[in-house]
Protein backbone atom coordinates (compact mmCIF):
# COMPACT_ATOMS: atom_id res chain seq x y z
CA UNK A 1 121.74 143.38 -116.09
CA UNK A 2 121.09 139.77 -117.02
CA UNK A 3 118.34 138.91 -119.53
CA UNK A 4 116.55 137.02 -116.76
CA UNK A 5 116.50 140.02 -114.42
CA UNK A 6 115.45 142.30 -117.28
CA UNK A 7 112.51 140.02 -118.08
CA UNK A 8 111.40 139.94 -114.44
CA UNK A 9 111.64 143.72 -114.14
CA UNK A 10 109.68 144.04 -117.38
CA UNK A 11 106.93 141.92 -115.89
CA UNK A 12 106.86 144.12 -112.80
CA UNK A 13 106.63 147.26 -114.92
CA UNK A 14 103.67 145.70 -116.73
CA UNK A 15 101.95 145.12 -113.39
CA UNK A 16 102.63 148.71 -112.41
CA UNK A 17 101.15 149.87 -115.70
CA UNK A 18 97.96 147.96 -115.00
CA UNK A 19 97.78 149.57 -111.59
CA UNK A 20 98.24 153.07 -112.99
CA UNK A 21 95.56 152.43 -115.62
CA UNK A 22 93.06 151.22 -113.03
CA UNK A 23 93.88 154.13 -110.71
CA UNK A 24 92.28 156.56 -113.16
CA UNK A 25 88.90 155.44 -111.87
CA UNK A 26 89.73 156.54 -108.33
CA UNK A 27 87.61 159.60 -107.53
CA UNK A 28 87.09 159.35 -103.79
CA UNK A 29 88.03 157.44 -100.65
CA UNK A 30 85.51 154.67 -101.31
CA UNK A 31 86.96 154.11 -104.79
CA UNK A 32 90.48 153.96 -103.38
CA UNK A 33 89.82 151.72 -100.37
CA UNK A 34 86.85 149.64 -101.62
CA UNK A 35 86.93 149.84 -105.44
CA UNK A 36 83.55 151.56 -105.33
CA UNK A 37 82.04 148.36 -103.84
CA UNK A 38 81.93 146.85 -107.33
CA UNK A 39 84.02 143.67 -107.04
CA UNK A 40 82.10 140.90 -108.83
CA UNK A 41 82.66 137.16 -108.56
CA UNK A 42 85.81 137.09 -110.69
CA UNK A 43 87.59 140.07 -109.19
CA UNK A 44 86.57 139.26 -105.61
CA UNK A 45 87.47 135.56 -105.81
CA UNK A 46 90.87 136.12 -107.40
CA UNK A 47 91.63 139.08 -105.16
CA UNK A 48 90.91 137.09 -102.00
CA UNK A 49 92.86 134.09 -103.28
CA UNK A 50 95.83 136.12 -104.46
CA UNK A 51 95.94 138.21 -101.29
CA UNK A 52 95.95 135.12 -99.10
CA UNK A 53 98.37 133.22 -101.34
CA UNK A 54 101.50 135.06 -100.34
CA UNK A 55 105.13 134.43 -99.54
CA UNK A 56 104.41 132.28 -96.50
CA UNK A 57 102.39 129.88 -98.67
CA UNK A 58 104.99 129.52 -101.41
CA UNK A 59 108.25 129.90 -99.51
CA UNK A 60 107.40 129.52 -95.83
CA UNK A 61 105.42 126.28 -96.00
CA UNK A 62 107.78 124.77 -98.58
CA UNK A 63 110.78 125.67 -96.43
CA UNK A 64 109.20 124.11 -93.34
CA UNK A 65 108.43 120.91 -95.26
CA UNK A 66 111.97 120.85 -96.69
CA UNK A 67 113.53 121.15 -93.23
CA UNK A 68 111.22 119.07 -91.05
CA UNK A 69 108.72 117.31 -93.31
CA UNK A 70 104.97 117.89 -93.31
CA UNK A 71 103.16 117.50 -90.01
CA UNK A 72 100.38 118.98 -87.93
CA UNK A 73 102.99 121.26 -86.42
CA UNK A 74 102.76 123.36 -89.60
CA UNK A 75 99.26 124.74 -90.27
CA UNK A 76 99.99 126.02 -93.78
CA UNK A 77 98.10 125.73 -96.12
CA UNK A 78 95.19 124.04 -94.35
CA UNK A 79 94.86 126.47 -91.43
CA UNK A 80 94.65 129.52 -93.66
CA UNK A 81 92.29 127.65 -96.00
CA UNK A 82 90.00 126.94 -93.04
CA UNK A 83 90.18 130.63 -92.23
CA UNK A 84 88.71 131.54 -95.64
CA UNK A 85 85.94 128.97 -95.33
CA UNK A 86 85.15 130.27 -91.85
CA UNK A 87 84.91 133.82 -93.15
CA UNK A 88 82.58 132.78 -95.97
CA UNK A 89 80.30 130.66 -93.81
CA UNK A 90 80.13 132.75 -90.64
CA UNK A 91 81.19 136.35 -91.14
CA UNK A 92 80.93 137.48 -94.78
CA UNK A 93 77.22 138.32 -94.79
CA UNK A 94 77.04 140.01 -91.34
CA UNK A 95 80.07 142.14 -92.21
CA UNK A 96 78.74 143.05 -95.66
CA UNK A 97 75.40 144.16 -94.23
CA UNK A 98 77.15 146.68 -91.99
CA UNK A 99 78.29 148.74 -95.02
CA UNK A 100 81.69 149.41 -93.45
CA UNK A 101 84.61 151.21 -95.08
CA UNK A 102 87.22 149.61 -92.82
CA UNK A 103 87.01 146.95 -90.14
CA UNK A 104 87.57 149.58 -87.44
CA UNK A 105 84.26 151.22 -88.43
CA UNK A 106 82.48 148.30 -86.75
CA UNK A 107 84.04 149.25 -83.41
CA UNK A 108 82.76 152.81 -83.75
CA UNK A 109 79.23 151.82 -84.79
CA UNK A 110 78.86 149.17 -82.09
CA UNK A 111 80.84 150.77 -79.26
CA UNK A 112 82.39 154.24 -79.53
CA UNK A 113 84.88 156.44 -81.37
CA UNK A 114 87.47 155.71 -78.69
CA UNK A 115 87.18 151.96 -79.23
CA UNK A 116 87.41 152.51 -82.99
CA UNK A 117 90.69 154.40 -82.67
CA UNK A 118 92.16 151.91 -80.22
CA UNK A 119 91.25 149.04 -82.55
CA UNK A 120 92.86 150.80 -85.51
CA UNK A 121 96.07 151.38 -83.54
CA UNK A 122 96.19 147.71 -82.50
CA UNK A 123 95.37 146.33 -85.97
CA UNK A 124 97.83 148.45 -87.98
CA UNK A 125 101.04 146.71 -86.77
CA UNK A 126 99.66 143.34 -87.88
CA UNK A 127 99.39 144.55 -91.48
CA UNK A 128 102.87 146.08 -91.37
CA UNK A 129 104.38 142.79 -90.17
CA UNK A 130 102.57 140.90 -92.91
CA UNK A 131 103.83 143.41 -95.49
CA UNK A 132 107.37 142.97 -94.16
CA UNK A 133 107.11 139.21 -94.69
CA UNK A 134 106.12 139.73 -98.31
CA UNK A 135 108.83 142.33 -98.93
CA UNK A 136 111.44 139.97 -97.51
CA UNK A 137 110.24 137.21 -99.81
CA UNK A 138 110.27 139.65 -102.73
CA UNK A 139 113.89 140.41 -101.92
CA UNK A 140 114.71 136.69 -101.86
CA UNK A 141 113.40 136.29 -105.41
CA UNK A 142 115.18 139.37 -106.77
CA UNK A 143 118.38 138.23 -105.07
CA UNK A 144 118.06 134.81 -106.70
CA UNK A 145 117.29 135.98 -110.24
CA UNK A 146 119.58 139.01 -110.20
CA UNK A 147 122.50 137.75 -108.09
CA UNK A 148 122.40 140.87 -105.92
CA UNK A 149 122.78 141.15 -102.12
CA UNK A 150 119.63 140.32 -100.18
CA UNK A 151 119.43 143.63 -98.29
CA UNK A 152 119.72 145.59 -101.55
CA UNK A 153 117.08 143.37 -103.14
CA UNK A 154 114.74 143.99 -100.20
CA UNK A 155 115.24 147.74 -100.63
CA UNK A 156 114.41 147.57 -104.34
CA UNK A 157 111.39 145.41 -103.57
CA UNK A 158 110.12 147.89 -101.00
CA UNK A 159 110.45 150.86 -103.32
CA UNK A 160 108.61 149.13 -106.12
CA UNK A 161 105.77 147.83 -103.98
CA UNK A 162 105.19 151.22 -102.33
CA UNK A 163 105.00 152.89 -105.74
CA UNK A 164 102.73 150.17 -107.09
CA UNK A 165 100.36 150.26 -104.11
CA UNK A 166 100.13 154.03 -103.70
CA UNK A 167 98.98 154.46 -107.28
CA UNK A 168 96.14 152.03 -107.54
CA UNK A 169 94.03 151.42 -104.48
CA UNK A 170 91.82 148.36 -104.19
CA UNK A 171 90.54 148.46 -107.78
CA UNK A 172 94.05 148.30 -109.21
CA UNK A 173 94.86 145.62 -106.66
CA UNK A 174 91.87 143.51 -107.72
CA UNK A 175 92.52 143.87 -111.45
CA UNK A 176 96.17 142.88 -111.12
CA UNK A 177 95.18 140.06 -108.76
CA UNK A 178 93.43 138.32 -111.65
CA UNK A 179 96.68 138.30 -113.64
CA UNK A 180 98.71 137.42 -110.58
CA UNK A 181 96.39 134.61 -109.48
CA UNK A 182 96.52 132.97 -112.90
CA UNK A 183 100.29 133.42 -113.10
CA UNK A 184 101.04 131.91 -109.69
CA UNK A 185 98.77 128.93 -110.36
CA UNK A 186 100.31 128.18 -113.75
CA UNK A 187 103.84 128.77 -112.45
CA UNK A 188 103.51 126.35 -109.54
CA UNK A 189 101.83 123.72 -111.69
CA UNK A 190 104.71 124.01 -114.19
CA UNK A 191 107.29 123.49 -111.42
CA UNK A 192 105.37 120.51 -110.05
CA UNK A 193 105.28 118.86 -113.47
CA UNK A 194 109.01 119.53 -113.93
CA UNK A 195 109.78 117.98 -110.54
CA UNK A 196 107.77 114.86 -111.30
CA UNK A 197 109.58 114.43 -114.63
CA UNK A 198 112.98 114.95 -112.95
CA UNK A 199 112.57 112.30 -110.26
CA UNK A 200 115.23 109.55 -110.33
CA UNK A 201 114.44 106.41 -112.28
CA UNK A 202 112.11 104.15 -110.34
CA UNK A 203 110.97 106.93 -108.03
CA UNK A 204 107.46 108.34 -108.13
CA UNK A 205 105.83 111.28 -106.44
CA UNK A 206 103.90 108.87 -104.25
CA UNK A 207 107.02 107.02 -103.16
CA UNK A 208 108.80 110.26 -102.24
CA UNK A 209 105.83 111.49 -100.21
CA UNK A 210 105.56 108.10 -98.51
CA UNK A 211 109.24 108.02 -97.54
CA UNK A 212 110.07 107.94 -93.80
CA UNK A 213 109.77 111.33 -92.17
CA UNK A 214 108.08 113.03 -95.13
CA UNK A 215 104.55 113.22 -93.73
CA UNK A 216 103.77 112.86 -90.05
CA UNK A 217 100.19 113.19 -88.86
CA UNK A 218 101.22 113.26 -85.21
CA UNK A 219 103.55 115.97 -83.84
CA UNK A 220 107.24 115.09 -84.04
CA UNK A 221 110.49 116.38 -82.61
CA UNK A 222 109.14 116.91 -79.13
CA UNK A 223 106.29 119.18 -80.28
CA UNK A 224 103.31 118.91 -77.92
CA UNK A 225 99.64 118.90 -78.85
CA UNK A 226 99.32 122.25 -77.09
CA UNK A 227 101.91 123.68 -79.46
CA UNK A 228 99.98 122.20 -82.39
CA UNK A 229 96.79 123.85 -81.14
CA UNK A 230 98.68 127.14 -80.86
CA UNK A 231 100.02 126.76 -84.40
CA UNK A 232 96.55 126.19 -85.84
CA UNK A 233 94.75 128.79 -83.75
CA UNK A 234 96.85 131.61 -85.17
CA UNK A 235 95.66 131.28 -88.80
CA UNK A 236 92.14 130.13 -87.92
CA UNK A 237 91.30 132.75 -85.28
CA UNK A 238 94.05 135.29 -85.86
CA UNK A 239 93.47 135.77 -89.59
CA UNK A 240 89.78 135.02 -90.12
CA UNK A 241 88.93 138.69 -89.51
CA UNK A 242 92.10 140.22 -90.96
CA UNK A 243 91.55 143.70 -92.37
CA UNK A 244 92.92 142.63 -95.77
CA UNK A 245 90.26 139.93 -96.06
CA UNK A 246 87.42 142.02 -94.66
CA UNK A 247 88.11 144.84 -97.14
CA UNK A 248 87.44 142.50 -100.06
CA UNK A 249 84.32 141.03 -98.52
CA UNK A 250 82.75 144.46 -97.97
CA UNK A 251 83.86 145.69 -101.43
CA UNK A 252 81.42 143.35 -103.24
CA UNK A 253 78.04 144.61 -104.51
CA UNK A 254 75.88 141.90 -102.87
CA UNK A 255 76.04 139.70 -99.79
CA UNK A 256 75.75 136.57 -101.96
CA UNK A 257 78.87 137.54 -103.91
CA UNK A 258 80.64 138.32 -100.62
CA UNK A 259 80.00 134.83 -99.25
CA UNK A 260 80.46 132.77 -102.40
CA UNK A 261 83.60 134.57 -103.54
CA UNK A 262 85.24 133.87 -100.19
CA UNK A 263 84.30 130.19 -100.36
CA UNK A 264 85.52 129.90 -103.97
CA UNK A 265 88.80 131.54 -102.97
CA UNK A 266 89.17 129.09 -100.07
CA UNK A 267 88.83 126.16 -102.46
CA UNK A 268 91.40 127.63 -104.83
CA UNK A 269 93.75 128.31 -101.94
CA UNK A 270 93.73 124.71 -100.77
CA UNK A 271 94.15 123.24 -104.27
CA UNK A 272 97.07 125.49 -105.24
CA UNK A 273 98.46 125.84 -101.72
CA UNK A 274 99.25 122.16 -101.39
CA UNK A 275 101.72 122.38 -104.31
CA UNK A 276 104.48 124.26 -102.40
CA UNK A 277 104.12 121.73 -99.58
CA UNK A 278 104.72 118.90 -102.07
CA UNK A 279 107.63 120.77 -103.64
CA UNK A 280 109.24 121.23 -100.23
CA UNK A 281 109.06 117.49 -99.57
CA UNK A 282 110.31 116.50 -103.01
CA UNK A 283 112.98 119.20 -102.88
CA UNK A 284 114.92 117.18 -100.32
CA UNK A 285 115.58 114.71 -103.14
CA UNK A 286 115.92 117.12 -106.07
CA UNK A 287 117.97 119.95 -104.46
CA UNK A 288 119.42 118.58 -101.21
CA UNK A 289 121.64 120.55 -98.86
CA UNK A 290 120.20 124.05 -99.25
CA UNK A 291 121.45 126.46 -96.58
CA UNK A 292 118.24 128.51 -96.73
CA UNK A 293 115.23 126.19 -96.73
CA UNK A 294 112.90 129.01 -97.77
CA UNK A 295 114.70 129.11 -101.14
CA UNK A 296 113.67 125.56 -102.03
CA UNK A 297 110.89 126.41 -104.52
CA UNK A 298 112.91 129.04 -106.46
CA UNK A 299 115.93 126.71 -106.36
CA UNK A 300 113.91 123.82 -107.83
CA UNK A 301 112.54 126.08 -110.54
CA UNK A 302 115.96 127.41 -111.47
CA UNK A 303 117.42 123.91 -111.50
CA UNK A 304 114.76 122.26 -113.64
CA UNK A 305 113.02 124.87 -115.78
CA UNK A 306 114.32 126.34 -119.05
CA UNK A 307 115.17 130.03 -118.85
CA UNK A 308 111.92 131.12 -120.50
CA UNK A 309 109.85 129.02 -118.12
CA UNK A 310 111.86 130.20 -115.13
CA UNK A 311 111.02 133.78 -116.06
CA UNK A 312 107.35 132.79 -116.01
CA UNK A 313 107.81 131.14 -112.62
CA UNK A 314 109.69 134.12 -111.18
CA UNK A 315 106.90 136.36 -112.39
CA UNK A 316 104.39 134.01 -110.78
CA UNK A 317 106.21 134.06 -107.45
CA UNK A 318 106.50 137.82 -107.53
CA UNK A 319 102.79 137.94 -108.39
CA UNK A 320 101.97 136.00 -105.24
CA UNK A 321 104.03 138.41 -103.19
CA UNK A 322 102.80 141.59 -104.87
CA UNK A 323 99.15 140.65 -104.49
CA UNK A 324 99.63 140.34 -100.74
CA UNK A 325 101.96 143.22 -99.98
CA UNK A 326 99.83 145.84 -101.71
CA UNK A 327 96.80 144.56 -99.81
CA UNK A 328 98.51 144.78 -96.44
CA UNK A 329 99.90 148.25 -97.02
CA UNK A 330 96.52 149.43 -98.27
CA UNK A 331 94.76 147.94 -95.23
CA UNK A 332 97.13 149.63 -92.78
CA UNK A 333 96.87 152.91 -94.64
CA UNK A 334 93.07 152.71 -94.68
CA UNK A 335 92.93 152.27 -90.92
CA UNK A 336 95.35 155.12 -90.39
CA UNK A 337 93.70 157.58 -92.77
CA UNK A 338 89.98 156.71 -92.49
CA UNK A 339 89.80 155.92 -88.77
CA UNK A 340 92.49 158.19 -87.31
CA UNK A 341 93.78 161.11 -89.38
CA UNK A 342 90.67 162.07 -91.38
CA UNK A 343 88.20 162.20 -88.45
CA UNK A 344 90.69 163.80 -86.05
CA UNK A 345 91.56 166.52 -88.58
CA UNK A 346 87.93 166.71 -89.76
CA UNK A 347 88.87 166.41 -93.42
CA UNK A 348 85.94 166.34 -95.85
CA UNK A 349 87.66 166.81 -99.23
CA UNK A 350 87.82 163.45 -101.02
CA UNK A 351 91.08 164.21 -102.80
CA UNK A 352 92.79 164.98 -99.51
CA UNK A 353 91.46 161.72 -98.06
CA UNK A 354 92.96 159.75 -100.95
CA UNK A 355 96.23 161.69 -100.68
CA UNK A 356 96.53 160.89 -96.97
CA UNK A 357 95.89 157.20 -97.68
CA UNK A 358 98.64 157.21 -100.32
CA UNK A 359 101.10 158.83 -97.93
CA UNK A 360 100.18 156.16 -95.40
CA UNK A 361 101.21 153.50 -97.90
CA UNK A 362 104.63 155.13 -98.23
CA UNK A 363 105.16 155.45 -94.48
CA UNK A 364 104.12 151.90 -93.72
CA UNK A 365 106.18 150.63 -96.64
CA UNK A 366 109.27 152.17 -95.06
CA UNK A 367 108.46 150.50 -91.73
CA UNK A 368 107.94 147.18 -93.51
CA UNK A 369 111.39 147.54 -95.09
CA UNK A 370 113.05 148.01 -91.69
CA UNK A 371 111.32 144.91 -90.33
CA UNK A 372 112.07 142.86 -93.45
CA UNK A 373 115.80 143.56 -93.23
CA UNK A 374 115.95 142.54 -89.57
CA UNK A 375 113.61 139.52 -89.68
CA UNK A 376 114.83 135.95 -89.40
CA UNK A 377 112.37 134.42 -91.85
CA UNK A 378 109.17 134.85 -93.81
CA UNK A 379 106.99 132.37 -91.93
CA UNK A 380 107.93 133.77 -88.51
CA UNK A 381 106.90 137.26 -89.61
CA UNK A 382 103.53 136.04 -90.86
CA UNK A 383 102.81 134.20 -87.62
CA UNK A 384 103.63 137.34 -85.64
CA UNK A 385 101.39 139.38 -87.95
CA UNK A 386 98.46 137.00 -87.52
CA UNK A 387 98.78 136.81 -83.74
CA UNK A 388 99.66 140.36 -82.67
CA UNK A 389 96.59 141.98 -81.14
CA UNK A 390 94.15 139.80 -83.05
CA UNK A 391 92.87 137.75 -80.11
CA UNK A 392 91.12 140.66 -78.43
CA UNK A 393 89.87 141.98 -81.76
CA UNK A 394 88.45 138.57 -82.69
CA UNK A 395 86.50 138.27 -79.44
CA UNK A 396 85.15 141.82 -79.64
CA UNK A 397 84.10 141.47 -83.29
CA UNK A 398 82.27 138.18 -82.68
CA UNK A 399 80.26 139.69 -79.82
CA UNK A 400 79.68 142.89 -81.80
CA UNK A 401 78.27 141.05 -84.81
CA UNK A 402 76.14 138.44 -83.10
CA UNK A 403 75.11 139.82 -79.68
CA UNK A 404 74.20 143.03 -77.88
CA UNK A 405 76.41 142.10 -74.93
CA UNK A 406 79.09 144.48 -73.78
CA UNK A 407 79.74 148.18 -74.07
CA UNK A 408 82.65 150.48 -74.84
CA UNK A 409 84.45 149.83 -71.54
CA UNK A 410 84.25 146.08 -72.01
CA UNK A 411 85.48 146.28 -75.60
CA UNK A 412 88.37 148.54 -74.62
CA UNK A 413 89.44 146.24 -71.79
CA UNK A 414 89.24 143.19 -74.04
CA UNK A 415 91.39 144.74 -76.78
CA UNK A 416 94.04 145.80 -74.27
CA UNK A 417 94.04 142.51 -72.35
CA UNK A 418 94.40 140.50 -75.56
CA UNK A 419 97.38 142.56 -76.69
CA UNK A 420 99.14 142.75 -73.31
CA UNK A 421 98.68 139.07 -72.45
CA UNK A 422 100.04 138.02 -75.84
CA UNK A 423 103.10 140.26 -75.57
CA UNK A 424 103.85 139.26 -71.97
CA UNK A 425 103.30 135.56 -72.64
CA UNK A 426 105.50 135.69 -75.73
CA UNK A 427 108.26 137.52 -73.86
CA UNK A 428 108.02 135.02 -71.00
CA UNK A 429 108.38 132.10 -73.41
CA UNK A 430 104.92 130.60 -72.81
CA UNK A 431 104.09 127.51 -74.86
CA UNK A 432 100.84 128.90 -76.25
CA UNK A 433 100.80 132.71 -75.95
CA UNK A 434 98.07 133.20 -78.54
CA UNK A 435 95.68 130.70 -76.98
CA UNK A 436 96.38 132.26 -73.60
CA UNK A 437 95.58 135.73 -74.92
CA UNK A 438 92.45 134.43 -76.66
CA UNK A 439 91.19 132.86 -73.42
CA UNK A 440 92.03 136.00 -71.44
CA UNK A 441 90.16 138.14 -73.97
CA UNK A 442 87.07 135.94 -73.81
CA UNK A 443 87.02 135.98 -70.01
CA UNK A 444 87.52 139.75 -69.98
CA UNK A 445 84.62 140.37 -72.35
CA UNK A 446 82.22 138.03 -70.54
CA UNK A 447 83.08 139.39 -67.09
CA UNK A 448 83.00 142.96 -68.36
CA UNK A 449 79.58 142.44 -69.94
CA UNK A 450 78.16 141.01 -66.71
CA UNK A 451 79.55 143.94 -64.73
CA UNK A 452 78.11 146.39 -67.26
CA UNK A 453 74.66 144.86 -66.87
CA UNK A 454 74.88 145.14 -63.09
CA UNK A 455 76.33 148.64 -63.03
CA UNK A 456 73.81 150.22 -65.40
CA UNK A 457 70.73 149.40 -63.25
CA UNK A 458 72.65 150.46 -60.14
CA UNK A 459 73.49 153.82 -61.70
CA UNK A 460 69.89 154.22 -62.86
CA UNK A 461 68.58 153.58 -59.32
CA UNK A 462 71.09 155.98 -57.84
């Protein structure tokens, strides 16, 4: 084992220790899934930021910029930043006031138990895909620092993250997110400074960014404006009500903290999230000819940073990944345990509820490993995670929070139409499958609501 790999593993063990320490406060399901609804400004802000700032931000967006430059065809980091601002401005307070345990609870309270269970089944795969993206990125980093095969590294990454997540619950997640958020910010800033100092004589950061093909406001390479709209709609609409984000919003003690923490996290996300984009553009000069574009940020760090600083950076990158993967596994497990297994089996013992949630983490971690090994890239996985089934859920949630339109049949039809249209359109190679599914979901809900209003009086008269 190299000293570098030993240092990275030591950092991971430290994170696990923090999680185990925090897990001692877990007494019931609410403690495990919502940290007892006690996340203040610091914990909530850093937890939202660190959860959102994952592998796709550091490696996916940098890799896209390295390969094709920065353009509107790539929504990261601005699309996901807009998503956080949208949550804070529009949804944080209405969701907090509902006193939910998971997002699927809203479907039960507003519609029916059947809609709740259908929503949980549709939302769970999204979290698993997102977890797979983070696990794959985790494997990339371990492979780089330890010179071990990628598939083996992904397996090690999966085992560690499952163990780490199953122990702690949301409180452990939030506490470690503070450390991880600080680490990833300092690590990326250190790499950016090193890159600026390493630029060839006469070159400046501004001149590199202004070079031909570096930044294109208009779509390039035959990309249409419809494809751009599709690219941006996925993070904005597909992730704004993600279960991982909602769980942190509803885990705060007041509605003011829920809103402001989300907005603060959005600002942090944009400020730090633009650094990988810059590194991807500058990387074409500093480390040209990489076979795997998603390795550009770790490659720059290894090329330019002293060993001690590279250990800090590797820890920072792993922090970004850990803070997201534990959130996604916890979200999927919460939906499975709280909305499916516990009510179906009529479990009332709090220890059994927590135990089921922990087993869910292990099961979904194994599924994430299978997907991570077979996936083509980090960014593609995240896009699939954000889009799969979210169009119907988005439409139903908006109507549930802000109107009294629609009943259980309408909500069920909308969820199914959104999922089926997206899958069929994707399989058929449609240009904008997510926008198509979003439009189909909206039409389904509106038409279904009108039919419900007409059928109810007719039934009453009959």
